[in-house]
Amino acid sequence: MKNGVYSLLKARFLINDDAVKNWRFIVFIILLAIVMIANTQRFEQKVFKIAELTNKVKELRSEFVDRRSELMKLKMESTVSEKMIEKEIFPSTVPPIKIKVKKEKEKNLLEKIWQ
C-alpha cells in the first residue's frame, strides 16, 4: 500500500512503458474539462442576456403604457377644446348635419343605346 501511494505521488504511471495509454486518457479528461467549462460559460452568458432582455422588455412595456395613457388624455375632447381656445377656435354651437348623396341608378347597355 505504501509503495502504491509513493508510486502515485512520484507519478510513475506517466513514465512507465505503457504510459501512452495513461497520457491519452489524461489528455481526454483535460479536453472534456475544457469543453465543460466553456459550455458552462456560454450558458451563464445566455442567462445574463435573458435577464437583461427581460428587464428591457419590462421597461419598454411600462413606457408603452405611459405613452398610451398620455395619448388617451390628449385625445379627450376637453383637452382638445382647451388647446383650441388658446388659438381662439371655439367649438361649434350648431350640430353637424348628415349629408346623403343619392347615387344615380346606372343604366344598362340597352338603355344607353336607345337614348
Protein backbone atom coordinates (compact mmCIF):
# COMPACT_ATOMS: atom_id res chain seq x y z
CA MET A 1 0.00 0.00 0.00
CA LYS A 2 2.77 2.39 0.96
CA ASN A 3 4.62 1.56 -2.24
CA GLY A 4 1.48 2.20 -4.34
CA VAL A 5 0.84 5.62 -2.81
CA TYR A 6 4.53 6.51 -3.14
CA SER A 7 4.43 5.44 -6.78
CA LEU A 8 1.34 7.57 -7.38
CA LEU A 9 2.94 10.62 -5.76
CA LYS A 10 6.06 10.22 -7.87
CA ALA A 11 3.81 9.94 -10.97
CA ARG A 12 5.49 6.79 -12.19
CA PHE A 13 2.36 5.85 -14.14
CA LEU A 14 3.27 8.68 -16.53
CA ILE A 15 6.80 7.49 -17.28
CA ASN A 16 6.34 3.70 -17.39
CA ASP A 17 6.46 1.69 -20.61
CA ASP A 18 2.66 1.71 -21.01
CA ALA A 19 2.41 5.45 -20.21
CA VAL A 20 0.99 6.27 -23.68
CA LYS A 21 -2.40 4.87 -22.65
CA ASN A 22 -2.36 6.92 -19.48
CA TRP A 23 -1.39 10.11 -21.34
CA ARG A 24 -4.22 9.62 -23.85
CA PHE A 25 -6.71 9.26 -21.01
CA ILE A 26 -5.33 12.31 -19.19
CA VAL A 27 -5.49 14.43 -22.35
CA PHE A 28 -9.06 13.20 -22.95
CA ILE A 29 -10.06 14.18 -19.40
CA ILE A 30 -8.43 17.62 -19.80
CA LEU A 31 -10.24 18.25 -23.11
CA LEU A 32 -13.51 17.11 -21.57
CA ALA A 33 -13.00 19.51 -18.65
CA ILE A 34 -12.26 22.39 -21.05
CA VAL A 35 -15.43 21.67 -23.02
CA MET A 36 -17.48 21.55 -19.82
CA ILE A 37 -16.05 24.87 -18.61
CA ALA A 38 -16.72 26.52 -21.98
CA ASN A 39 -20.26 25.15 -22.03
CA THR A 40 -20.94 26.47 -18.54
CA GLN A 41 -19.54 29.87 -19.50
CA ARG A 42 -21.81 30.12 -22.57
CA PHE A 43 -24.81 29.03 -20.50
CA GLU A 44 -24.16 31.74 -17.91
CA GLN A 45 -23.74 34.37 -20.64
CA LYS A 46 -27.11 33.39 -22.10
CA VAL A 47 -28.76 33.55 -18.68
CA PHE A 48 -27.40 37.06 -18.12
CA LYS A 49 -28.52 38.12 -21.62
CA ILE A 50 -32.04 36.75 -20.98
CA ALA A 51 -32.24 38.61 -17.66
CA GLU A 52 -31.09 41.83 -19.35
CA LEU A 53 -33.63 41.46 -22.16
CA THR A 54 -36.41 40.69 -19.68
CA ASN A 55 -35.66 43.92 -17.81
CA LYS A 56 -35.60 45.83 -21.08
CA VAL A 57 -38.99 44.38 -22.08
CA LYS A 58 -40.46 45.42 -18.73
CA GLU A 59 -39.13 48.96 -19.16
CA LEU A 60 -40.46 49.22 -22.71
CA ARG A 61 -43.86 47.85 -21.67
CA SER A 62 -44.17 50.41 -18.87
CA GLU A 63 -43.11 53.17 -21.25
CA PHE A 64 -45.75 51.98 -23.73
CA VAL A 65 -48.45 52.09 -21.06
CA ASP A 66 -47.37 55.59 -20.04
CA ARG A 67 -47.43 56.83 -23.63
CA ARG A 68 -50.81 55.23 -24.29
CA SER A 69 -52.38 56.87 -21.22
CA GLU A 70 -50.81 60.19 -22.23
CA LEU A 71 -52.27 59.82 -25.73
CA MET A 72 -55.71 58.99 -24.35
CA LYS A 73 -55.55 62.12 -22.22
CA LEU A 74 -54.54 64.25 -25.22
CA LYS A 75 -57.36 62.82 -27.33
CA MET A 76 -60.05 63.75 -24.81
CA GLU A 77 -62.47 66.40 -26.02
CA SER A 78 -61.83 68.64 -23.03
CA THR A 79 -58.08 68.70 -23.67
CA VAL A 80 -58.58 69.41 -27.37
CA SER A 81 -61.07 72.21 -26.65
CA GLU A 82 -58.66 73.81 -24.15
CA LYS A 83 -55.89 73.80 -26.76
CA MET A 84 -58.24 75.29 -29.37
CA ILE A 85 -59.40 78.06 -27.03
CA GLU A 86 -55.78 79.19 -26.76
CA LYS A 87 -55.78 79.57 -30.56
CA GLU A 88 -59.20 81.26 -30.44
CA ILE A 89 -61.01 78.40 -32.14
CA PHE A 90 -64.26 77.59 -30.40
CA PRO A 91 -66.50 74.53 -30.65
CA SER A 92 -69.47 74.80 -32.95
CA THR A 93 -72.85 75.58 -31.44
CA VAL A 94 -74.72 74.13 -34.42
CA PRO A 95 -74.81 70.36 -34.50
CA PRO A 96 -73.48 68.70 -37.63
CA ILE A 97 -75.84 67.71 -40.43
CA LYS A 98 -75.54 64.42 -42.18
CA ILE A 99 -75.29 64.80 -45.94
CA LYS A 100 -76.72 61.98 -48.02
CA VAL A 101 -75.65 61.64 -51.61
CA LYS A 102 -78.06 59.69 -53.76
CA LYS A 103 -76.35 57.57 -56.30
CA GLU A 104 -77.91 57.70 -59.70
CA LYS A 105 -79.03 54.35 -60.97
CA GLU A 106 -76.63 53.22 -63.60
CA LYS A 107 -78.23 52.45 -66.92
CA ASN A 108 -77.58 49.17 -68.58
CA LEU A 109 -76.21 48.87 -72.09
CA LEU A 110 -79.58 48.74 -73.89
CA GLU A 111 -80.86 51.89 -72.16
CA LYS A 112 -77.68 53.72 -73.11
CA ILE A 113 -78.02 52.72 -76.75
CA TRP A 114 -81.69 53.79 -77.09
CA GLN A 115 -81.05 57.29 -75.74
